[in-house]
Amino acid sequence: MTVDDNAENGVFVNRLIEKIPELRPLVDEHIEYHEALLSHVLFGDMTRWLIDLYRRSRVTQRGEASSGPTGHIQGVHGGHSR
């Protein structure tokens, strides 16, 4: 499914999906639910997804089990612990 909000937003979201295919289910669910691309809502969903991904990557770095695509944010936290 291709997204189409305004032309620029649709192109941007499609490029994100090309670079990060794990976003596809999130985008598809968003479009199915809203019956349109609402960029401001979608980017909020993506932010929550990224925060969750970041948290899971920190758990993985501490040697605990984690699942999901954490490779996209490798190096973001530089191994620093809170």
PDB file of N, CA and C in Angstrom:
ATOM      1  N   MET A   1       0.856  -1.181   0.000  1.00  0.00           N
ATOM      2  CA  MET A   1       0.000   0.000   0.000  1.00  0.00           C
ATOM      3  C   MET A   1       0.891   1.230   0.000  1.00  0.00           C
ATOM      4  N   THR A   2       0.553   2.187  -0.793  1.00  0.00           N
ATOM      5  CA  THR A   2       1.287   3.450  -0.838  1.00  0.00           C
ATOM      6  C   THR A   2       0.530   4.481  -0.019  1.00  0.00           C
ATOM      7  N   VAL A   3       1.273   5.281   0.705  1.00  0.00           N
ATOM      8  CA  VAL A   3       0.648   6.337   1.497  1.00  0.00           C
ATOM      9  C   VAL A   3       0.516   7.587   0.659  1.00  0.00           C
ATOM     10  N   ASP A   4      -0.550   8.342   0.899  1.00  0.00           N
ATOM     11  CA  ASP A   4      -0.696   9.602   0.177  1.00  0.00           C
ATOM     12  C   ASP A   4      -1.453  10.603   1.021  1.00  0.00           C
ATOM     13  N   ASP A   5      -0.760  11.430   1.701  1.00  0.00           N
ATOM     14  CA  ASP A   5      -1.279  12.555   2.462  1.00  0.00           C
ATOM     15  C   ASP A   5      -1.165  13.679   1.455  1.00  0.00           C
ATOM     16  N   ASN A   6      -0.326  14.644   1.648  1.00  0.00           N
ATOM     17  CA  ASN A   6       0.026  15.505   0.534  1.00  0.00           C
ATOM     18  C   ASN A   6       1.240  14.854  -0.109  1.00  0.00           C
ATOM     19  N   ALA A   7       1.615  15.296  -1.264  1.00  0.00           N
ATOM     20  CA  ALA A   7       2.666  14.625  -2.031  1.00  0.00           C
ATOM     21  C   ALA A   7       3.978  14.514  -1.258  1.00  0.00           C
ATOM     22  N   GLU A   8       4.408  15.571  -0.617  1.00  0.00           N
ATOM     23  CA  GLU A   8       5.689  15.548   0.096  1.00  0.00           C
ATOM     24  C   GLU A   8       5.671  14.581   1.270  1.00  0.00           C
ATOM     25  N   ASN A   9       4.611  14.593   2.053  1.00  0.00           N
ATOM     26  CA  ASN A   9       4.531  13.695   3.196  1.00  0.00           C
ATOM     27  C   ASN A   9       4.482  12.243   2.753  1.00  0.00           C
ATOM     28  N   GLY A  10       3.730  11.974   1.700  1.00  0.00           N
ATOM     29  CA  GLY A  10       3.647  10.610   1.180  1.00  0.00           C
ATOM     30  C   GLY A  10       4.998  10.111   0.706  1.00  0.00           C
ATOM     31  N   VAL A  11       5.739  10.955  -0.008  1.00  0.00           N
ATOM     32  CA  VAL A  11       7.072  10.584  -0.487  1.00  0.00           C
ATOM     33  C   VAL A  11       7.989  10.332   0.701  1.00  0.00           C
ATOM     34  N   PHE A  12       7.947  11.212   1.688  1.00  0.00           N
ATOM     35  CA  PHE A  12       8.798  11.062   2.867  1.00  0.00           C
ATOM     36  C   PHE A  12       8.506   9.755   3.604  1.00  0.00           C
ATOM     37  N   VAL A  13       7.236   9.461   3.842  1.00  0.00           N
ATOM     38  CA  VAL A  13       6.870   8.240   4.561  1.00  0.00           C
ATOM     39  C   VAL A  13       7.260   7.010   3.748  1.00  0.00           C
ATOM     40  N   ASN A  14       7.054   7.039   2.441  1.00  0.00           N
ATOM     41  CA  ASN A  14       7.460   5.906   1.609  1.00  0.00           C
ATOM     42  C   ASN A  14       8.968   5.686   1.662  1.00  0.00           C
ATOM     43  N   ARG A  15       9.735   6.750   1.688  1.00  0.00           N
ATOM     44  CA  ARG A  15      11.199   6.613   1.798  1.00  0.00           C
ATOM     45  C   ARG A  15      11.603   6.056   3.155  1.00  0.00           C
ATOM     46  N   LEU A  16      10.912   6.476   4.203  1.00  0.00           N
ATOM     47  CA  LEU A  16      11.184   5.912   5.523  1.00  0.00           C
ATOM     48  C   LEU A  16      10.934   4.410   5.523  1.00  0.00           C
ATOM     49  N   ILE A  17       9.840   4.000   4.907  1.00  0.00           N
ATOM     50  CA  ILE A  17       9.503   2.578   4.849  1.00  0.00           C
ATOM     51  C   ILE A  17      10.550   1.810   4.043  1.00  0.00           C
ATOM     52  N   GLU A  18      11.065   2.422   2.991  1.00  0.00           N
ATOM     53  CA  GLU A  18      12.123   1.768   2.211  1.00  0.00           C
ATOM     54  C   GLU A  18      13.368   1.559   3.062  1.00  0.00           C
ATOM     55  N   LYS A  19      13.723   2.547   3.872  1.00  0.00           N
ATOM     56  CA  LYS A  19      14.929   2.487   4.700  1.00  0.00           C
ATOM     57  C   LYS A  19      14.719   1.640   5.960  1.00  0.00           C
ATOM     58  N   ILE A  20      13.513   1.678   6.495  1.00  0.00           N
ATOM     59  CA  ILE A  20      13.194   0.955   7.730  1.00  0.00           C
ATOM     60  C   ILE A  20      11.916   0.151   7.489  1.00  0.00           C
ATOM     61  N   PRO A  21      12.035  -1.013   6.861  1.00  0.00           N
ATOM     62  CA  PRO A  21      10.850  -1.809   6.513  1.00  0.00           C
ATOM     63  C   PRO A  21      10.001  -2.206   7.713  1.00  0.00           C
ATOM     64  N   GLU A  22      10.587  -2.233   8.904  1.00  0.00           N
ATOM     65  CA  GLU A  22       9.821  -2.584  10.102  1.00  0.00           C
ATOM     66  C   GLU A  22       8.721  -1.569  10.403  1.00  0.00           C
ATOM     67  N   LEU A  23       8.780  -0.392   9.784  1.00  0.00           N
ATOM     68  CA  LEU A  23       7.734   0.609   9.964  1.00  0.00           C
ATOM     69  C   LEU A  23       6.476   0.287   9.162  1.00  0.00           C
ATOM     70  N   ARG A  24       6.590  -0.586   8.170  1.00  0.00           N
ATOM     71  CA  ARG A  24       5.458  -0.888   7.283  1.00  0.00           C
ATOM     72  C   ARG A  24       4.186  -1.265   8.045  1.00  0.00           C
ATOM     73  N   PRO A  25       4.243  -2.209   9.016  1.00  0.00           N
ATOM     74  CA  PRO A  25       3.006  -2.549   9.727  1.00  0.00           C
ATOM     75  C   PRO A  25       2.399  -1.367  10.478  1.00  0.00           C
ATOM     76  N   LEU A  26       3.255  -0.524  11.048  1.00  0.00           N
ATOM     77  CA  LEU A  26       2.775   0.655  11.763  1.00  0.00           C
ATOM     78  C   LEU A  26       2.042   1.605  10.817  1.00  0.00           C
ATOM     79  N   VAL A  27       2.635   1.851   9.654  1.00  0.00           N
ATOM     80  CA  VAL A  27       2.026   2.747   8.661  1.00  0.00           C
ATOM     81  C   VAL A  27       0.733   2.141   8.116  1.00  0.00           C
ATOM     82  N   ASP A  28       0.771   0.856   7.786  1.00  0.00           N
ATOM     83  CA  ASP A  28      -0.427   0.195   7.263  1.00  0.00           C
ATOM     84  C   ASP A  28      -1.579   0.243   8.263  1.00  0.00           C
ATOM     85  N   GLU A  29      -1.263  -0.037   9.528  1.00  0.00           N
ATOM     86  CA  GLU A  29      -2.293   0.010  10.576  1.00  0.00           C
ATOM     87  C   GLU A  29      -2.855   1.427  10.715  1.00  0.00           C
ATOM     88  N   HIS A  30      -1.978   2.414  10.656  1.00  0.00           N
ATOM     89  CA  HIS A  30      -2.393   3.813  10.756  1.00  0.00           C
ATOM     90  C   HIS A  30      -3.369   4.170   9.635  1.00  0.00           C
ATOM     91  N   ILE A  31      -3.009   3.812   8.408  1.00  0.00           N
ATOM     92  CA  ILE A  31      -3.856   4.150   7.255  1.00  0.00           C
ATOM     93  C   ILE A  31      -5.179   3.395   7.306  1.00  0.00           C
ATOM     94  N   GLU A  32      -5.122   2.137   7.722  1.00  0.00           N
ATOM     95  CA  GLU A  32      -6.358   1.357   7.826  1.00  0.00           C
ATOM     96  C   GLU A  32      -7.304   1.961   8.867  1.00  0.00           C
ATOM     97  N   TYR A  33      -6.751   2.352   9.998  1.00  0.00           N
ATOM     98  CA  TYR A  33      -7.562   2.901  11.078  1.00  0.00           C
ATOM     99  C   TYR A  33      -8.124   4.273  10.722  1.00  0.00           C
ATOM    100  N   HIS A  34      -7.265   5.163  10.189  1.00  0.00           N
ATOM    101  CA  HIS A  34      -7.676   6.545   9.922  1.00  0.00           C
ATOM    102  C   HIS A  34      -8.227   6.743   8.508  1.00  0.00           C
ATOM    103  N   GLU A  35      -8.059   5.731   7.661  1.00  0.00           N
ATOM    104  CA  GLU A  35      -8.477   5.787   6.259  1.00  0.00           C
ATOM    105  C   GLU A  35      -7.781   6.918   5.503  1.00  0.00           C
ATOM    106  N   ALA A  36      -6.635   7.334   6.014  1.00  0.00           N
ATOM    107  CA  ALA A  36      -5.827   8.388   5.388  1.00  0.00           C
ATOM    108  C   ALA A  36      -4.510   8.465   6.138  1.00  0.00           C
ATOM    109  N   LEU A  37      -3.558   9.169   5.540  1.00  0.00           N
ATOM    110  CA  LEU A  37      -2.295   9.448   6.217  1.00  0.00           C
ATOM    111  C   LEU A  37      -2.444  10.774   6.956  1.00  0.00           C
ATOM    112  N   LEU A  38      -2.411  10.700   8.260  1.00  0.00           N
ATOM    113  CA  LEU A  38      -2.431  11.897   9.099  1.00  0.00           C
ATOM    114  C   LEU A  38      -1.027  12.016   9.685  1.00  0.00           C
ATOM    115  N   SER A  39      -0.208  12.800   9.022  1.00  0.00           N
ATOM    116  CA  SER A  39       1.218  12.848   9.347  1.00  0.00           C
ATOM    117  C   SER A  39       1.481  13.142  10.816  1.00  0.00           C
ATOM    118  N   HIS A  40       0.777  14.110  11.371  1.00  0.00           N
ATOM    119  CA  HIS A  40       1.030  14.481  12.764  1.00  0.00           C
ATOM    120  C   HIS A  40       0.737  13.324  13.713  1.00  0.00           C
ATOM    121  N   VAL A  41      -0.246  12.520  13.405  1.00  0.00           N
ATOM    122  CA  VAL A  41      -0.573  11.354  14.229  1.00  0.00           C
ATOM    123  C   VAL A  41       0.445  10.241  13.983  1.00  0.00           C
ATOM    124  N   LEU A  42       0.752   9.981  12.709  1.00  0.00           N
ATOM    125  CA  LEU A  42       1.702   8.930  12.358  1.00  0.00           C
ATOM    126  C   LEU A  42       3.072   9.186  12.968  1.00  0.00           C
ATOM    127  N   PHE A  43       3.550  10.427  12.929  1.00  0.00           N
ATOM    128  CA  PHE A  43       4.871  10.715  13.467  1.00  0.00           C
ATOM    129  C   PHE A  43       4.893  10.555  14.989  1.00  0.00           C
ATOM    130  N   GLY A  44       3.771  10.799  15.632  1.00  0.00           N
ATOM    131  CA  GLY A  44       3.673  10.501  17.067  1.00  0.00           C
ATOM    132  C   GLY A  44       3.786   9.005  17.315  1.00  0.00           C
ATOM    133  N   ASP A  45       3.098   8.205  16.482  1.00  0.00           N
ATOM    134  CA  ASP A  45       3.192   6.745  16.586  1.00  0.00           C
ATOM    135  C   ASP A  45       4.628   6.278  16.345  1.00  0.00           C
ATOM    136  N   MET A  46       5.282   6.860  15.345  1.00  0.00           N
ATOM    137  CA  MET A  46       6.665   6.488  15.044  1.00  0.00           C
ATOM    138  C   MET A  46       7.589   6.862  16.194  1.00  0.00           C
ATOM    139  N   THR A  47       7.344   7.989  16.826  1.00  0.00           N
ATOM    140  CA  THR A  47       8.166   8.410  17.959  1.00  0.00           C
ATOM    141  C   THR A  47       8.046   7.401  19.091  1.00  0.00           C
ATOM    142  N   ARG A  48       6.822   6.971  19.397  1.00  0.00           N
ATOM    143  CA  ARG A  48       6.633   5.971  20.452  1.00  0.00           C
ATOM    144  C   ARG A  48       7.314   4.661  20.080  1.00  0.00           C
ATOM    145  N   TRP A  49       7.251   4.260  18.791  1.00  0.00           N
ATOM    146  CA  TRP A  49       7.899   3.045  18.303  1.00  0.00           C
ATOM    147  C   TRP A  49       9.414   3.146  18.496  1.00  0.00           C
ATOM    148  N   LEU A  50       9.987   4.296  18.132  1.00  0.00           N
ATOM    149  CA  LEU A  50      11.427   4.487  18.268  1.00  0.00           C
ATOM    150  C   LEU A  50      11.879   4.490  19.724  1.00  0.00           C
ATOM    151  N   ILE A  51      11.093   5.110  20.585  1.00  0.00           N
ATOM    152  CA  ILE A  51      11.429   5.116  22.010  1.00  0.00           C
ATOM    153  C   ILE A  51      11.415   3.697  22.560  1.00  0.00           C
ATOM    154  N   ASP A  52      10.412   2.917  22.172  1.00  0.00           N
ATOM    155  CA  ASP A  52      10.348   1.523  22.600  1.00  0.00           C
ATOM    156  C   ASP A  52      11.548   0.746  22.069  1.00  0.00           C
ATOM    157  N   LEU A  53      11.898   0.971  20.824  1.00  0.00           N
ATOM    158  CA  LEU A  53      13.048   0.313  20.210  1.00  0.00           C
ATOM    159  C   LEU A  53      14.331   0.667  20.957  1.00  0.00           C
ATOM    160  N   TYR A  54      14.481   1.925  21.298  1.00  0.00           N
ATOM    161  CA  TYR A  54      15.641   2.392  22.060  1.00  0.00           C
ATOM    162  C   TYR A  54      15.714   1.694  23.416  1.00  0.00           C
ATOM    163  N   ARG A  55      14.595   1.635  24.099  1.00  0.00           N
ATOM    164  CA  ARG A  55      14.575   0.994  25.422  1.00  0.00           C
ATOM    165  C   ARG A  55      14.935  -0.477  25.324  1.00  0.00           C
ATOM    166  N   ARG A  56      14.401  -1.160  24.305  1.00  0.00           N
ATOM    167  CA  ARG A  56      14.721  -2.577  24.127  1.00  0.00           C
ATOM    168  C   ARG A  56      16.195  -2.765  23.782  1.00  0.00           C
ATOM    169  N   SER A  57      16.791  -1.827  23.051  1.00  0.00           N
ATOM    170  CA  SER A  57      18.205  -1.959  22.708  1.00  0.00           C
ATOM    171  C   SER A  57      19.072  -1.793  23.955  1.00  0.00           C
ATOM    172  N   ARG A  58      18.648  -0.972  24.874  1.00  0.00           N
ATOM    173  CA  ARG A  58      19.394  -0.808  26.128  1.00  0.00           C
ATOM    174  C   ARG A  58      19.335  -2.080  26.948  1.00  0.00           C
ATOM    175  N   VAL A  59      18.189  -2.726  26.969  1.00  0.00           N
ATOM    176  CA  VAL A  59      18.044  -3.993  27.678  1.00  0.00           C
ATOM    177  C   VAL A  59      18.980  -5.020  27.051  1.00  0.00           C
ATOM    178  N   THR A  60      19.029  -5.058  25.722  1.00  0.00           N
ATOM    179  CA  THR A  60      19.889  -5.988  25.011  1.00  0.00           C
ATOM    180  C   THR A  60      21.354  -5.726  25.345  1.00  0.00           C
ATOM    181  N   GLN A  61      21.752  -4.477  25.427  1.00  0.00           N
ATOM    182  CA  GLN A  61      23.145  -4.151  25.739  1.00  0.00           C
ATOM    183  C   GLN A  61      23.531  -4.599  27.145  1.00  0.00           C
ATOM    184  N   ARG A  62      22.565  -4.677  28.024  1.00  0.00           N
ATOM    185  CA  ARG A  62      22.858  -5.144  29.389  1.00  0.00           C
ATOM    186  C   ARG A  62      22.886  -6.660  29.445  1.00  0.00           C
ATOM    187  N   GLY A  63      22.701  -7.309  28.288  1.00  0.00           N
ATOM    188  CA  GLY A  63      22.806  -8.760  28.228  1.00  0.00           C
ATOM    189  C   GLY A  63      21.518  -9.504  28.471  1.00  0.00           C
ATOM    190  N   GLU A  64      20.415  -8.795  28.536  1.00  0.00           N
ATOM    191  CA  GLU A  64      19.130  -9.441  28.733  1.00  0.00           C
ATOM    192  C   GLU A  64      18.493  -9.684  27.378  1.00  0.00           C
ATOM    193  N   ALA A  65      17.553 -10.597  27.330  1.00  0.00           N
ATOM    194  CA  ALA A  65      16.899 -10.939  26.073  1.00  0.00           C
ATOM    195  C   ALA A  65      16.028  -9.794  25.585  1.00  0.00           C
ATOM    196  N   SER A  66      15.987  -9.647  24.269  1.00  0.00           N
ATOM    197  CA  SER A  66      15.138  -8.643  23.638  1.00  0.00           C
ATOM    198  C   SER A  66      14.756  -9.149  22.268  1.00  0.00           C
ATOM    199  N   SER A  67      13.633  -8.694  21.772  1.00  0.00           N
ATOM    200  CA  SER A  67      13.240  -9.059  20.426  1.00  0.00           C
ATOM    201  C   SER A  67      12.946  -7.796  19.643  1.00  0.00           C
ATOM    202  N   GLY A  68      12.969  -7.903  18.335  1.00  0.00           N
ATOM    203  CA  GLY A  68      12.639  -6.760  17.495  1.00  0.00           C
ATOM    204  C   GLY A  68      13.847  -6.159  16.831  1.00  0.00           C
ATOM    205  N   PRO A  69      13.613  -5.227  15.937  1.00  0.00           N
ATOM    206  CA  PRO A  69      14.662  -4.620  15.120  1.00  0.00           C
ATOM    207  C   PRO A  69      15.405  -3.508  15.837  1.00  0.00           C
ATOM    208  N   THR A  70      16.389  -3.847  16.636  1.00  0.00           N
ATOM    209  CA  THR A  70      17.109  -2.811  17.372  1.00  0.00           C
ATOM    210  C   THR A  70      18.311  -2.284  16.601  1.00  0.00           C
ATOM    211  N   GLY A  71      18.669  -2.878  15.476  1.00  0.00           N
ATOM    212  CA  GLY A  71      19.841  -2.461  14.719  1.00  0.00           C
ATOM    213  C   GLY A  71      19.748  -1.062  14.162  1.00  0.00           C
ATOM    214  N   HIS A  72      18.548  -0.535  13.976  1.00  0.00           N
ATOM    215  CA  HIS A  72      18.388   0.792  13.384  1.00  0.00           C
ATOM    216  C   HIS A  72      18.831   1.910  14.299  1.00  0.00           C
ATOM    217  N   ILE A  73      18.929   1.620  15.578  1.00  0.00           N
ATOM    218  CA  ILE A  73      19.319   2.698  16.481  1.00  0.00           C
ATOM    219  C   ILE A  73      20.632   2.408  17.174  1.00  0.00           C
ATOM    220  N   GLN A  74      21.393   1.464  16.665  1.00  0.00           N
ATOM    221  CA  GLN A  74      22.697   1.181  17.249  1.00  0.00           C
ATOM    222  C   GLN A  74      23.526   2.463  17.281  1.00  0.00           C
ATOM    223  N   GLY A  75      24.158   2.689  18.376  1.00  0.00           N
ATOM    224  CA  GLY A  75      25.033   3.846  18.506  1.00  0.00           C
ATOM    225  C   GLY A  75      24.322   5.110  18.941  1.00  0.00           C
ATOM    226  N   VAL A  76      23.010   5.109  18.996  1.00  0.00           N
ATOM    227  CA  VAL A  76      22.288   6.320  19.388  1.00  0.00           C
ATOM    228  C   VAL A  76      22.623   6.682  20.824  1.00  0.00           C
ATOM    229  N   HIS A  77      22.652   5.686  21.698  1.00  0.00           N
ATOM    230  CA  HIS A  77      22.914   5.974  23.101  1.00  0.00           C
ATOM    231  C   HIS A  77      24.368   5.756  23.468  1.00  0.00           C
ATOM    232  N   GLY A  78      25.174   5.303  22.552  1.00  0.00           N
ATOM    233  CA  GLY A  78      26.604   5.189  22.775  1.00  0.00           C
ATOM    234  C   GLY A  78      27.009   4.340  23.957  1.00  0.00           C
ATOM    235  N   GLY A  79      26.118   3.445  24.384  1.00  0.00           N
ATOM    236  CA  GLY A  79      26.464   2.548  25.478  1.00  0.00           C
ATOM    237  C   GLY A  79      26.372   3.188  26.847  1.00  0.00           C
ATOM    238  N   HIS A  80      25.911   4.414  26.929  1.00  0.00           N
ATOM    239  CA  HIS A  80      25.798   5.077  28.229  1.00  0.00           C
ATOM    240  C   HIS A  80      24.594   4.531  28.962  1.00  0.00           C
ATOM    241  N   SER A  81      24.732   4.317  30.244  1.00  0.00           N
ATOM    242  CA  SER A  81      23.590   3.868  31.025  1.00  0.00           C
ATOM    243  C   SER A  81      23.079   5.022  31.871  1.00  0.00           C
ATOM    244  N   ARG A  82      21.866   4.928  32.226  1.00  0.00           N
ATOM    245  CA  ARG A  82      21.221   5.983  32.984  1.00  0.00           C
ATOM    246  C   ARG A  82      21.362   5.748  34.447  1.00  0.00           C
TER     247      ARG A  82
END
